[in-house]
Amino acid sequence: MENTYTSLPSAIYSNYDKLLSARDAEKDRTENIGVFAFLLEGYSLADSFGDAAYIYWTIDQVREYLKAGGQTDDRFEALFDDFEFGEEFLVMIIEYPGTTESTPCTFTRS
């Protein structure tokens, strides 16, 4: 895996089944829907996607993170308009350490 922000979406799609299963487990554990947050320090040094670190944040944790960084959660909220909870999962890729510069996106089987 190229260790960059732009290489993550294709790696995430390649690991869709694994991540969907992990999302289901985390949703059951936390009893709340959420996102997989990929922090720069968790993926920039990874040799492969299997080595990349990411964390499951509940929706409330994402909102807190965005607001703490002075951002609104408008784009994040817009993702739920057509979201299918059984077939899709949310991912937030954070590019810059120490900031809230991020891109929330939805992944679904194509």
PDB file of N, CA and C in Angstrom:
ATOM      1  N   MET A   1       0.839  -1.179   0.000  1.00  0.00           N
ATOM      2  CA  MET A   1       0.000   0.000   0.000  1.00  0.00           C
ATOM      3  C   MET A   1       0.879   1.235   0.000  1.00  0.00           C
ATOM      4  N   GLU A   2       0.574   2.150  -0.874  1.00  0.00           N
ATOM      5  CA  GLU A   2       1.209   3.456  -0.814  1.00  0.00           C
ATOM      6  C   GLU A   2       0.655   4.139   0.425  1.00  0.00           C
ATOM      7  N   ASN A   3       1.513   4.656   1.247  1.00  0.00           N
ATOM      8  CA  ASN A   3       1.099   5.159   2.557  1.00  0.00           C
ATOM      9  C   ASN A   3       0.595   6.589   2.490  1.00  0.00           C
ATOM     10  N   THR A   4      -0.412   6.825   1.692  1.00  0.00           N
ATOM     11  CA  THR A   4      -0.925   8.174   1.560  1.00  0.00           C
ATOM     12  C   THR A   4      -2.431   8.208   1.725  1.00  0.00           C
ATOM     13  N   TYR A   5      -2.899   9.387   1.943  1.00  0.00           N
ATOM     14  CA  TYR A   5      -4.332   9.655   2.056  1.00  0.00           C
ATOM     15  C   TYR A   5      -5.073   9.182   0.813  1.00  0.00           C
ATOM     16  N   THR A   6      -4.505   9.413  -0.359  1.00  0.00           N
ATOM     17  CA  THR A   6      -5.186   9.060  -1.604  1.00  0.00           C
ATOM     18  C   THR A   6      -5.218   7.566  -1.872  1.00  0.00           C
ATOM     19  N   SER A   7      -4.347   6.790  -1.260  1.00  0.00           N
ATOM     20  CA  SER A   7      -4.344   5.342  -1.483  1.00  0.00           C
ATOM     21  C   SER A   7      -5.341   4.602  -0.594  1.00  0.00           C
ATOM     22  N   LEU A   8      -5.811   5.240   0.448  1.00  0.00           N
ATOM     23  CA  LEU A   8      -6.700   4.549   1.391  1.00  0.00           C
ATOM     24  C   LEU A   8      -8.037   4.108   0.802  1.00  0.00           C
ATOM     25  N   PRO A   9      -8.734   4.935   0.027  1.00  0.00           N
ATOM     26  CA  PRO A   9     -10.036   4.469  -0.479  1.00  0.00           C
ATOM     27  C   PRO A   9      -9.968   3.141  -1.233  1.00  0.00           C
ATOM     28  N   SER A  10      -8.984   2.950  -2.083  1.00  0.00           N
ATOM     29  CA  SER A  10      -8.914   1.679  -2.809  1.00  0.00           C
ATOM     30  C   SER A  10      -8.581   0.530  -1.860  1.00  0.00           C
ATOM     31  N   ALA A  11      -7.755   0.771  -0.859  1.00  0.00           N
ATOM     32  CA  ALA A  11      -7.447  -0.270   0.128  1.00  0.00           C
ATOM     33  C   ALA A  11      -8.682  -0.599   0.967  1.00  0.00           C
ATOM     34  N   ILE A  12      -9.477   0.409   1.277  1.00  0.00           N
ATOM     35  CA  ILE A  12     -10.705   0.188   2.041  1.00  0.00           C
ATOM     36  C   ILE A  12     -11.687  -0.645   1.218  1.00  0.00           C
ATOM     37  N   TYR A  13     -11.846  -0.305  -0.054  1.00  0.00           N
ATOM     38  CA  TYR A  13     -12.727  -1.106  -0.917  1.00  0.00           C
ATOM     39  C   TYR A  13     -12.241  -2.544  -1.031  1.00  0.00           C
ATOM     40  N   SER A  14     -10.945  -2.732  -1.098  1.00  0.00           N
ATOM     41  CA  SER A  14     -10.389  -4.088  -1.193  1.00  0.00           C
ATOM     42  C   SER A  14     -10.660  -4.898   0.067  1.00  0.00           C
ATOM     43  N   ASN A  15     -10.853  -4.222   1.173  1.00  0.00           N
ATOM     44  CA  ASN A  15     -11.089  -4.884   2.459  1.00  0.00           C
ATOM     45  C   ASN A  15     -12.518  -4.654   2.952  1.00  0.00           C
ATOM     46  N   TYR A  16     -13.433  -4.440   2.023  1.00  0.00           N
ATOM     47  CA  TYR A  16     -14.815  -4.101   2.347  1.00  0.00           C
ATOM     48  C   TYR A  16     -15.457  -5.122   3.286  1.00  0.00           C
ATOM     49  N   ASP A  17     -15.382  -6.404   2.954  1.00  0.00           N
ATOM     50  CA  ASP A  17     -16.039  -7.435   3.767  1.00  0.00           C
ATOM     51  C   ASP A  17     -15.492  -7.464   5.194  1.00  0.00           C
ATOM     52  N   LYS A  18     -14.185  -7.362   5.318  1.00  0.00           N
ATOM     53  CA  LYS A  18     -13.546  -7.360   6.634  1.00  0.00           C
ATOM     54  C   LYS A  18     -14.016  -6.154   7.447  1.00  0.00           C
ATOM     55  N   LEU A  19     -14.049  -4.981   6.817  1.00  0.00           N
ATOM     56  CA  LEU A  19     -14.454  -3.774   7.528  1.00  0.00           C
ATOM     57  C   LEU A  19     -15.950  -3.770   7.860  1.00  0.00           C
ATOM     58  N   LEU A  20     -16.768  -4.297   6.965  1.00  0.00           N
ATOM     59  CA  LEU A  20     -18.199  -4.370   7.238  1.00  0.00           C
ATOM     60  C   LEU A  20     -18.452  -5.273   8.446  1.00  0.00           C
ATOM     61  N   SER A  21     -17.753  -6.386   8.513  1.00  0.00           N
ATOM     62  CA  SER A  21     -17.875  -7.295   9.648  1.00  0.00           C
ATOM     63  C   SER A  21     -17.379  -6.618  10.933  1.00  0.00           C
ATOM     64  N   ALA A  22     -16.263  -5.912  10.839  1.00  0.00           N
ATOM     65  CA  ALA A  22     -15.730  -5.201  12.007  1.00  0.00           C
ATOM     66  C   ALA A  22     -16.683  -4.100  12.446  1.00  0.00           C
ATOM     67  N   ARG A  23     -17.313  -3.419  11.482  1.00  0.00           N
ATOM     68  CA  ARG A  23     -18.293  -2.385  11.814  1.00  0.00           C
ATOM     69  C   ARG A  23     -19.461  -2.988  12.587  1.00  0.00           C
ATOM     70  N   ASP A  24     -19.958  -4.134  12.131  1.00  0.00           N
ATOM     71  CA  ASP A  24     -21.066  -4.800  12.820  1.00  0.00           C
ATOM     72  C   ASP A  24     -20.691  -5.141  14.261  1.00  0.00           C
ATOM     73  N   ALA A  25     -19.477  -5.633  14.451  1.00  0.00           N
ATOM     74  CA  ALA A  25     -19.016  -5.991  15.793  1.00  0.00           C
ATOM     75  C   ALA A  25     -18.906  -4.756  16.681  1.00  0.00           C
ATOM     76  N   GLU A  26     -18.368  -3.673  16.140  1.00  0.00           N
ATOM     77  CA  GLU A  26     -18.231  -2.438  16.918  1.00  0.00           C
ATOM     78  C   GLU A  26     -19.588  -1.816  17.223  1.00  0.00           C
ATOM     79  N   LYS A  27     -20.506  -1.873  16.261  1.00  0.00           N
ATOM     80  CA  LYS A  27     -21.847  -1.347  16.473  1.00  0.00           C
ATOM     81  C   LYS A  27     -22.531  -2.114  17.602  1.00  0.00           C
ATOM     82  N   ASP A  28     -22.367  -3.431  17.626  1.00  0.00           N
ATOM     83  CA  ASP A  28     -22.936  -4.245  18.694  1.00  0.00           C
ATOM     84  C   ASP A  28     -22.277  -3.941  20.038  1.00  0.00           C
ATOM     85  N   ARG A  29     -20.962  -3.774  20.013  1.00  0.00           N
ATOM     86  CA  ARG A  29     -20.217  -3.512  21.246  1.00  0.00           C
ATOM     87  C   ARG A  29     -20.586  -2.159  21.844  1.00  0.00           C
ATOM     88  N   THR A  30     -20.646  -1.132  21.023  1.00  0.00           N
ATOM     89  CA  THR A  30     -20.919   0.220  21.519  1.00  0.00           C
ATOM     90  C   THR A  30     -22.409   0.539  21.578  1.00  0.00           C
ATOM     91  N   GLU A  31     -23.214  -0.309  20.937  1.00  0.00           N
ATOM     92  CA  GLU A  31     -24.657  -0.086  20.820  1.00  0.00           C
ATOM     93  C   GLU A  31     -24.946   1.272  20.184  1.00  0.00           C
ATOM     94  N   ASN A  32     -24.108   1.638  19.199  1.00  0.00           N
ATOM     95  CA  ASN A  32     -24.249   2.914  18.529  1.00  0.00           C
ATOM     96  C   ASN A  32     -23.583   2.823  17.164  1.00  0.00           C
ATOM     97  N   ILE A  33     -24.164   3.491  16.175  1.00  0.00           N
ATOM     98  CA  ILE A  33     -23.511   3.526  14.879  1.00  0.00           C
ATOM     99  C   ILE A  33     -22.323   4.471  14.960  1.00  0.00           C
ATOM    100  N   GLY A  34     -21.391   4.298  14.052  1.00  0.00           N
ATOM    101  CA  GLY A  34     -20.196   5.131  14.073  1.00  0.00           C
ATOM    102  C   GLY A  34     -19.435   5.054  12.778  1.00  0.00           C
ATOM    103  N   VAL A  35     -18.192   5.487  12.836  1.00  0.00           N
ATOM    104  CA  VAL A  35     -17.332   5.521  11.663  1.00  0.00           C
ATOM    105  C   VAL A  35     -15.987   4.903  12.016  1.00  0.00           C
ATOM    106  N   PHE A  36     -15.289   4.447  10.987  1.00  0.00           N
ATOM    107  CA  PHE A  36     -13.890   4.088  11.160  1.00  0.00           C
ATOM    108  C   PHE A  36     -13.092   5.347  10.876  1.00  0.00           C
ATOM    109  N   ALA A  37     -12.322   5.802  11.853  1.00  0.00           N
ATOM    110  CA  ALA A  37     -11.485   6.981  11.693  1.00  0.00           C
ATOM    111  C   ALA A  37     -10.055   6.526  11.429  1.00  0.00           C
ATOM    112  N   PHE A  38      -9.525   6.960  10.310  1.00  0.00           N
ATOM    113  CA  PHE A  38      -8.142   6.680   9.949  1.00  0.00           C
ATOM    114  C   PHE A  38      -7.335   7.934  10.242  1.00  0.00           C
ATOM    115  N   LEU A  39      -6.514   7.890  11.278  1.00  0.00           N
ATOM    116  CA  LEU A  39      -5.673   9.012  11.646  1.00  0.00           C
ATOM    117  C   LEU A  39      -4.344   8.885  10.913  1.00  0.00           C
ATOM    118  N   LEU A  40      -3.742  10.018  10.562  1.00  0.00           N
ATOM    119  CA  LEU A  40      -2.508  10.013   9.773  1.00  0.00           C
ATOM    120  C   LEU A  40      -1.443   9.105  10.362  1.00  0.00           C
ATOM    121  N   GLU A  41      -1.239   9.182  11.673  1.00  0.00           N
ATOM    122  CA  GLU A  41      -0.202   8.361  12.294  1.00  0.00           C
ATOM    123  C   GLU A  41      -0.531   6.869  12.252  1.00  0.00           C
ATOM    124  N   GLY A  42      -1.783   6.530  12.000  1.00  0.00           N
ATOM    125  CA  GLY A  42      -2.181   5.130  11.932  1.00  0.00           C
ATOM    126  C   GLY A  42      -2.042   4.497  10.570  1.00  0.00           C
ATOM    127  N   TYR A  43      -1.956   5.326   9.522  1.00  0.00           N
ATOM    128  CA  TYR A  43      -1.832   4.744   8.185  1.00  0.00           C
ATOM    129  C   TYR A  43      -0.588   5.188   7.426  1.00  0.00           C
ATOM    130  N   SER A  44       0.017   6.303   7.799  1.00  0.00           N
ATOM    131  CA  SER A  44       1.135   6.819   7.010  1.00  0.00           C
ATOM    132  C   SER A  44       2.387   5.952   7.096  1.00  0.00           C
ATOM    133  N   LEU A  45       2.554   5.214   8.168  1.00  0.00           N
ATOM    134  CA  LEU A  45       3.735   4.369   8.328  1.00  0.00           C
ATOM    135  C   LEU A  45       3.471   2.899   8.045  1.00  0.00           C
ATOM    136  N   ALA A  46       2.252   2.575   7.655  1.00  0.00           N
ATOM    137  CA  ALA A  46       1.876   1.171   7.433  1.00  0.00           C
ATOM    138  C   ALA A  46       2.454   0.660   6.122  1.00  0.00           C
ATOM    139  N   ASP A  47       2.972  -0.559   6.154  1.00  0.00           N
ATOM    140  CA  ASP A  47       3.485  -1.196   4.942  1.00  0.00           C
ATOM    141  C   ASP A  47       2.361  -1.778   4.097  1.00  0.00           C
ATOM    142  N   SER A  48       1.256  -2.108   4.737  1.00  0.00           N
ATOM    143  CA  SER A  48       0.104  -2.658   4.034  1.00  0.00           C
ATOM    144  C   SER A  48      -1.144  -2.216   4.782  1.00  0.00           C
ATOM    145  N   PHE A  49      -2.299  -2.448   4.174  1.00  0.00           N
ATOM    146  CA  PHE A  49      -3.540  -2.077   4.847  1.00  0.00           C
ATOM    147  C   PHE A  49      -3.695  -2.856   6.146  1.00  0.00           C
ATOM    148  N   GLY A  50      -3.237  -4.087   6.170  1.00  0.00           N
ATOM    149  CA  GLY A  50      -3.309  -4.894   7.387  1.00  0.00           C
ATOM    150  C   GLY A  50      -2.527  -4.297   8.541  1.00  0.00           C
ATOM    151  N   ASP A  51      -1.541  -3.481   8.232  1.00  0.00           N
ATOM    152  CA  ASP A  51      -0.741  -2.819   9.261  1.00  0.00           C
ATOM    153  C   ASP A  51      -1.305  -1.455   9.651  1.00  0.00           C
ATOM    154  N   ALA A  52      -2.268  -0.955   8.890  1.00  0.00           N
ATOM    155  CA  ALA A  52      -2.834   0.370   9.159  1.00  0.00           C
ATOM    156  C   ALA A  52      -3.713   0.309  10.405  1.00  0.00           C
ATOM    157  N   ALA A  53      -3.582   1.308  11.240  1.00  0.00           N
ATOM    158  CA  ALA A  53      -4.394   1.395  12.454  1.00  0.00           C
ATOM    159  C   ALA A  53      -5.543   2.368  12.222  1.00  0.00           C
ATOM    160  N   TYR A  54      -6.694   2.004  12.734  1.00  0.00           N
ATOM    161  CA  TYR A  54      -7.859   2.872  12.675  1.00  0.00           C
ATOM    162  C   TYR A  54      -8.691   2.613  13.909  1.00  0.00           C
ATOM    163  N   ILE A  55      -9.614   3.514  14.190  1.00  0.00           N
ATOM    164  CA  ILE A  55     -10.415   3.435  15.408  1.00  0.00           C
ATOM    165  C   ILE A  55     -11.880   3.635  15.052  1.00  0.00           C
ATOM    166  N   TYR A  56     -12.748   3.024  15.814  1.00  0.00           N
ATOM    167  CA  TYR A  56     -14.190   3.195  15.632  1.00  0.00           C
ATOM    168  C   TYR A  56     -14.650   4.315  16.546  1.00  0.00           C
ATOM    169  N   TRP A  57     -15.198   5.377  15.956  1.00  0.00           N
ATOM    170  CA  TRP A  57     -15.763   6.474  16.721  1.00  0.00           C
ATOM    171  C   TRP A  57     -17.267   6.459  16.553  1.00  0.00           C
ATOM    172  N   THR A  58     -17.998   6.611  17.652  1.00  0.00           N
ATOM    173  CA  THR A  58     -19.450   6.739  17.557  1.00  0.00           C
ATOM    174  C   THR A  58     -19.777   8.086  16.909  1.00  0.00           C
ATOM    175  N   ILE A  59     -21.010   8.233  16.474  1.00  0.00           N
ATOM    176  CA  ILE A  59     -21.455   9.474  15.840  1.00  0.00           C
ATOM    177  C   ILE A  59     -21.213  10.661  16.776  1.00  0.00           C
ATOM    178  N   ASP A  60     -21.502  10.495  18.057  1.00  0.00           N
ATOM    179  CA  ASP A  60     -21.289  11.581  19.013  1.00  0.00           C
ATOM    180  C   ASP A  60     -19.809  11.947  19.129  1.00  0.00           C
ATOM    181  N   GLN A  61     -18.926  10.959  19.089  1.00  0.00           N
ATOM    182  CA  GLN A  61     -17.493  11.239  19.147  1.00  0.00           C
ATOM    183  C   GLN A  61     -17.032  12.007  17.911  1.00  0.00           C
ATOM    184  N   VAL A  62     -17.578  11.674  16.756  1.00  0.00           N
ATOM    185  CA  VAL A  62     -17.224  12.397  15.529  1.00  0.00           C
ATOM    186  C   VAL A  62     -17.686  13.850  15.634  1.00  0.00           C
ATOM    187  N   ARG A  63     -18.910  14.045  16.074  1.00  0.00           N
ATOM    188  CA  ARG A  63     -19.432  15.413  16.232  1.00  0.00           C
ATOM    189  C   ARG A  63     -18.553  16.228  17.184  1.00  0.00           C
ATOM    190  N   GLU A  64     -18.164  15.632  18.295  1.00  0.00           N
ATOM    191  CA  GLU A  64     -17.288  16.324  19.248  1.00  0.00           C
ATOM    192  C   GLU A  64     -15.953  16.673  18.605  1.00  0.00           C
ATOM    193  N   TYR A  65     -15.378  15.747  17.854  1.00  0.00           N
ATOM    194  CA  TYR A  65     -14.101  15.971  17.191  1.00  0.00           C
ATOM    195  C   TYR A  65     -14.205  17.133  16.200  1.00  0.00           C
ATOM    196  N   LEU A  66     -15.245  17.132  15.385  1.00  0.00           N
ATOM    197  CA  LEU A  66     -15.422  18.190  14.397  1.00  0.00           C
ATOM    198  C   LEU A  66     -15.634  19.546  15.070  1.00  0.00           C
ATOM    199  N   LYS A  67     -16.497  19.584  16.063  1.00  0.00           N
ATOM    200  CA  LYS A  67     -16.785  20.853  16.740  1.00  0.00           C
ATOM    201  C   LYS A  67     -15.565  21.370  17.502  1.00  0.00           C
ATOM    202  N   ALA A  68     -14.779  20.477  18.086  1.00  0.00           N
ATOM    203  CA  ALA A  68     -13.567  20.891  18.797  1.00  0.00           C
ATOM    204  C   ALA A  68     -12.575  21.546  17.839  1.00  0.00           C
ATOM    205  N   GLY A  69     -12.621  21.151  16.582  1.00  0.00           N
ATOM    206  CA  GLY A  69     -11.733  21.726  15.572  1.00  0.00           C
ATOM    207  C   GLY A  69     -12.343  22.923  14.865  1.00  0.00           C
ATOM    208  N   GLY A  70     -13.497  23.384  15.349  1.00  0.00           N
ATOM    209  CA  GLY A  70     -14.123  24.555  14.758  1.00  0.00           C
ATOM    210  C   GLY A  70     -14.874  24.289  13.463  1.00  0.00           C
ATOM    211  N   GLN A  71     -15.181  23.030  13.186  1.00  0.00           N
ATOM    212  CA  GLN A  71     -15.921  22.688  11.981  1.00  0.00           C
ATOM    213  C   GLN A  71     -17.370  22.364  12.330  1.00  0.00           C
ATOM    214  N   THR A  72     -18.226  22.473  11.337  1.00  0.00           N
ATOM    215  CA  THR A  72     -19.607  22.050  11.532  1.00  0.00           C
ATOM    216  C   THR A  72     -19.709  20.582  11.137  1.00  0.00           C
ATOM    217  N   ASP A  73     -20.809  19.968  11.504  1.00  0.00           N
ATOM    218  CA  ASP A  73     -21.012  18.578  11.120  1.00  0.00           C
ATOM    219  C   ASP A  73     -22.021  18.468   9.973  1.00  0.00           C
ATOM    220  N   ASP A  74     -22.207  19.548   9.217  1.00  0.00           N
ATOM    221  CA  ASP A  74     -23.172  19.558   8.116  1.00  0.00           C
ATOM    222  C   ASP A  74     -22.876  18.490   7.061  1.00  0.00           C
ATOM    223  N   ARG A  75     -21.643  18.442   6.573  1.00  0.00           N
ATOM    224  CA  ARG A  75     -21.295  17.435   5.548  1.00  0.00           C
ATOM    225  C   ARG A  75     -21.436  16.027   6.108  1.00  0.00           C
ATOM    226  N   PHE A  76     -21.076  15.874   7.353  1.00  0.00           N
ATOM    227  CA  PHE A  76     -21.194  14.578   8.012  1.00  0.00           C
ATOM    228  C   PHE A  76     -22.654  14.167   8.094  1.00  0.00           C
ATOM    229  N   GLU A  77     -23.523  15.069   8.509  1.00  0.00           N
ATOM    230  CA  GLU A  77     -24.953  14.786   8.611  1.00  0.00           C
ATOM    231  C   GLU A  77     -25.547  14.438   7.247  1.00  0.00           C
ATOM    232  N   ALA A  78     -25.063  15.076   6.184  1.00  0.00           N
ATOM    233  CA  ALA A  78     -25.590  14.842   4.837  1.00  0.00           C
ATOM    234  C   ALA A  78     -25.362  13.398   4.383  1.00  0.00           C
ATOM    235  N   LEU A  79     -24.368  12.730   4.939  1.00  0.00           N
ATOM    236  CA  LEU A  79     -24.094  11.341   4.554  1.00  0.00           C
ATOM    237  C   LEU A  79     -25.234  10.398   4.928  1.00  0.00           C
ATOM    238  N   PHE A  80     -26.035  10.772   5.910  1.00  0.00           N
ATOM    239  CA  PHE A  80     -27.098   9.901   6.385  1.00  0.00           C
ATOM    240  C   PHE A  80     -28.371   9.978   5.552  1.00  0.00           C
ATOM    241  N   ASP A  81     -28.441  10.916   4.613  1.00  0.00           N
ATOM    242  CA  ASP A  81     -29.656  11.082   3.816  1.00  0.00           C
ATOM    243  C   ASP A  81     -30.039   9.807   3.066  1.00  0.00           C
ATOM    244  N   ASP A  82     -29.091   9.157   2.421  1.00  0.00           N
ATOM    245  CA  ASP A  82     -29.361   7.943   1.642  1.00  0.00           C
ATOM    246  C   ASP A  82     -28.570   6.746   2.158  1.00  0.00           C
ATOM    247  N   PHE A  83     -28.193   6.775   3.404  1.00  0.00           N
ATOM    248  CA  PHE A  83     -27.336   5.741   3.968  1.00  0.00           C
ATOM    249  C   PHE A  83     -28.122   4.468   4.229  1.00  0.00           C
ATOM    250  N   GLU A  84     -27.571   3.317   3.821  1.00  0.00           N
ATOM    251  CA  GLU A  84     -28.173   2.013   4.081  1.00  0.00           C
ATOM    252  C   GLU A  84     -27.318   1.296   5.118  1.00  0.00           C
ATOM    253  N   PHE A  85     -27.812   1.248   6.350  1.00  0.00           N
ATOM    254  CA  PHE A  85     -27.019   0.774   7.474  1.00  0.00           C
ATOM    255  C   PHE A  85     -26.587  -0.685   7.372  1.00  0.00           C
ATOM    256  N   GLY A  86     -27.303  -1.508   6.674  1.00  0.00           N
ATOM    257  CA  GLY A  86     -26.921  -2.907   6.580  1.00  0.00           C
ATOM    258  C   GLY A  86     -25.824  -3.186   5.573  1.00  0.00           C
ATOM    259  N   GLU A  87     -25.677  -2.325   4.575  1.00  0.00           N
ATOM    260  CA  GLU A  87     -24.751  -2.585   3.473  1.00  0.00           C
ATOM    261  C   GLU A  87     -23.595  -1.598   3.390  1.00  0.00           C
ATOM    262  N   GLU A  88     -23.651  -0.523   4.135  1.00  0.00           N
ATOM    263  CA  GLU A  88     -22.630   0.512   4.030  1.00  0.00           C
ATOM    264  C   GLU A  88     -21.994   0.774   5.386  1.00  0.00           C
ATOM    265  N   PHE A  89     -20.817   1.372   5.350  1.00  0.00           N
ATOM    266  CA  PHE A  89     -20.198   1.842   6.582  1.00  0.00           C
ATOM    267  C   PHE A  89     -19.535   3.181   6.290  1.00  0.00           C
ATOM    268  N   LEU A  90     -19.379   3.956   7.336  1.00  0.00           N
ATOM    269  CA  LEU A  90     -18.792   5.286   7.209  1.00  0.00           C
ATOM    270  C   LEU A  90     -17.317   5.246   7.583  1.00  0.00           C
ATOM    271  N   VAL A  91     -16.542   6.053   6.855  1.00  0.00           N
ATOM    272  CA  VAL A  91     -15.114   6.169   7.098  1.00  0.00           C
ATOM    273  C   VAL A  91     -14.760   7.647   7.125  1.00  0.00           C
ATOM    274  N   MET A  92     -13.883   8.028   8.032  1.00  0.00           N
ATOM    275  CA  MET A  92     -13.362   9.391   8.062  1.00  0.00           C
ATOM    276  C   MET A  92     -11.847   9.283   8.008  1.00  0.00           C
ATOM    277  N   ILE A  93     -11.268   9.852   6.959  1.00  0.00           N
ATOM    278  CA  ILE A  93      -9.820   9.823   6.780  1.00  0.00           C
ATOM    279  C   ILE A  93      -9.282  11.195   7.170  1.00  0.00           C
ATOM    280  N   ILE A  94      -8.458  11.228   8.187  1.00  0.00           N
ATOM    281  CA  ILE A  94      -7.910  12.479   8.694  1.00  0.00           C
ATOM    282  C   ILE A  94      -6.489  12.625   8.177  1.00  0.00           C
ATOM    283  N   GLU A  95      -6.282  13.713   7.473  1.00  0.00           N
ATOM    284  CA  GLU A  95      -5.029  13.883   6.748  1.00  0.00           C
ATOM    285  C   GLU A  95      -3.933  14.572   7.540  1.00  0.00           C
ATOM    286  N   TYR A  96      -4.267  15.558   8.337  1.00  0.00           N
ATOM    287  CA  TYR A  96      -3.246  16.346   9.010  1.00  0.00           C
ATOM    288  C   TYR A  96      -3.291  16.113  10.516  1.00  0.00           C
ATOM    289  N   PRO A  97      -2.155  15.780  11.129  1.00  0.00           N
ATOM    290  CA  PRO A  97      -2.158  15.570  12.577  1.00  0.00           C
ATOM    291  C   PRO A  97      -2.405  16.883  13.310  1.00  0.00           C
ATOM    292  N   GLY A  98      -3.133  16.799  14.435  1.00  0.00           N
ATOM    293  CA  GLY A  98      -3.358  17.964  15.256  1.00  0.00           C
ATOM    294  C   GLY A  98      -4.431  18.914  14.737  1.00  0.00           C
ATOM    295  N   THR A  99      -5.131  18.532  13.666  1.00  0.00           N
ATOM    296  CA  THR A  99      -6.210  19.366  13.152  1.00  0.00           C
ATOM    297  C   THR A  99      -7.423  18.491  12.931  1.00  0.00           C
ATOM    298  N   THR A 100      -8.489  19.101  12.478  1.00  0.00           N
ATOM    299  CA  THR A 100      -9.689  18.332  12.159  1.00  0.00           C
ATOM    300  C   THR A 100      -9.922  18.311  10.662  1.00  0.00           C
ATOM    301  N   GLU A 101      -8.889  18.521   9.878  1.00  0.00           N
ATOM    302  CA  GLU A 101      -9.017  18.461   8.422  1.00  0.00           C
ATOM    303  C   GLU A 101      -9.279  17.004   8.055  1.00  0.00           C
ATOM    304  N   SER A 102     -10.472  16.738   7.553  1.00  0.00           N
ATOM    305  CA  SER A 102     -10.862  15.353   7.314  1.00  0.00           C
ATOM    306  C   SER A 102     -11.907  15.275   6.221  1.00  0.00           C
ATOM    307  N   THR A 103     -12.105  14.071   5.720  1.00  0.00           N
ATOM    308  CA  THR A 103     -13.113  13.840   4.710  1.00  0.00           C
ATOM    309  C   THR A 103     -13.952  12.648   5.118  1.00  0.00           C
ATOM    310  N   PRO A 104     -15.216  12.876   5.519  1.00  0.00           N
ATOM    311  CA  PRO A 104     -16.082  11.736   5.815  1.00  0.00           C
ATOM    312  C   PRO A 104     -16.649  11.185   4.511  1.00  0.00           C
ATOM    313  N   CYS A 105     -16.735   9.880   4.389  1.00  0.00           N
ATOM    314  CA  CYS A 105     -17.276   9.283   3.173  1.00  0.00           C
ATOM    315  C   CYS A 105     -17.938   7.947   3.504  1.00  0.00           C
ATOM    316  N   THR A 106     -18.760   7.509   2.579  1.00  0.00           N
ATOM    317  CA  THR A 106     -19.493   6.267   2.738  1.00  0.00           C
ATOM    318  C   THR A 106     -18.928   5.211   1.793  1.00  0.00           C
ATOM    319  N   PHE A 107     -18.794   4.002   2.274  1.00  0.00           N
ATOM    320  CA  PHE A 107     -18.345   2.900   1.437  1.00  0.00           C
ATOM    321  C   PHE A 107     -19.444   1.864   1.337  1.00  0.00           C
ATOM    322  N   THR A 108     -19.722   1.446   0.115  1.00  0.00           N
ATOM    323  CA  THR A 108     -20.712   0.425  -0.129  1.00  0.00           C
ATOM    324  C   THR A 108     -20.181  -0.532  -1.192  1.00  0.00           C
ATOM    325  N   ARG A 109     -20.667  -1.732  -1.171  1.00  0.00           N
ATOM    326  CA  ARG A 109     -20.223  -2.713  -2.183  1.00  0.00           C
ATOM    327  C   ARG A 109     -20.710  -2.244  -3.541  1.00  0.00           C
ATOM    328  N   SER A 110     -19.809  -2.248  -4.518  1.00  0.00           N
ATOM    329  CA  SER A 110     -20.199  -1.812  -5.862  1.00  0.00           C
ATOM    330  C   SER A 110     -20.521  -2.976  -6.755  1.00  0.00           C
TER     331      SER A 110
END
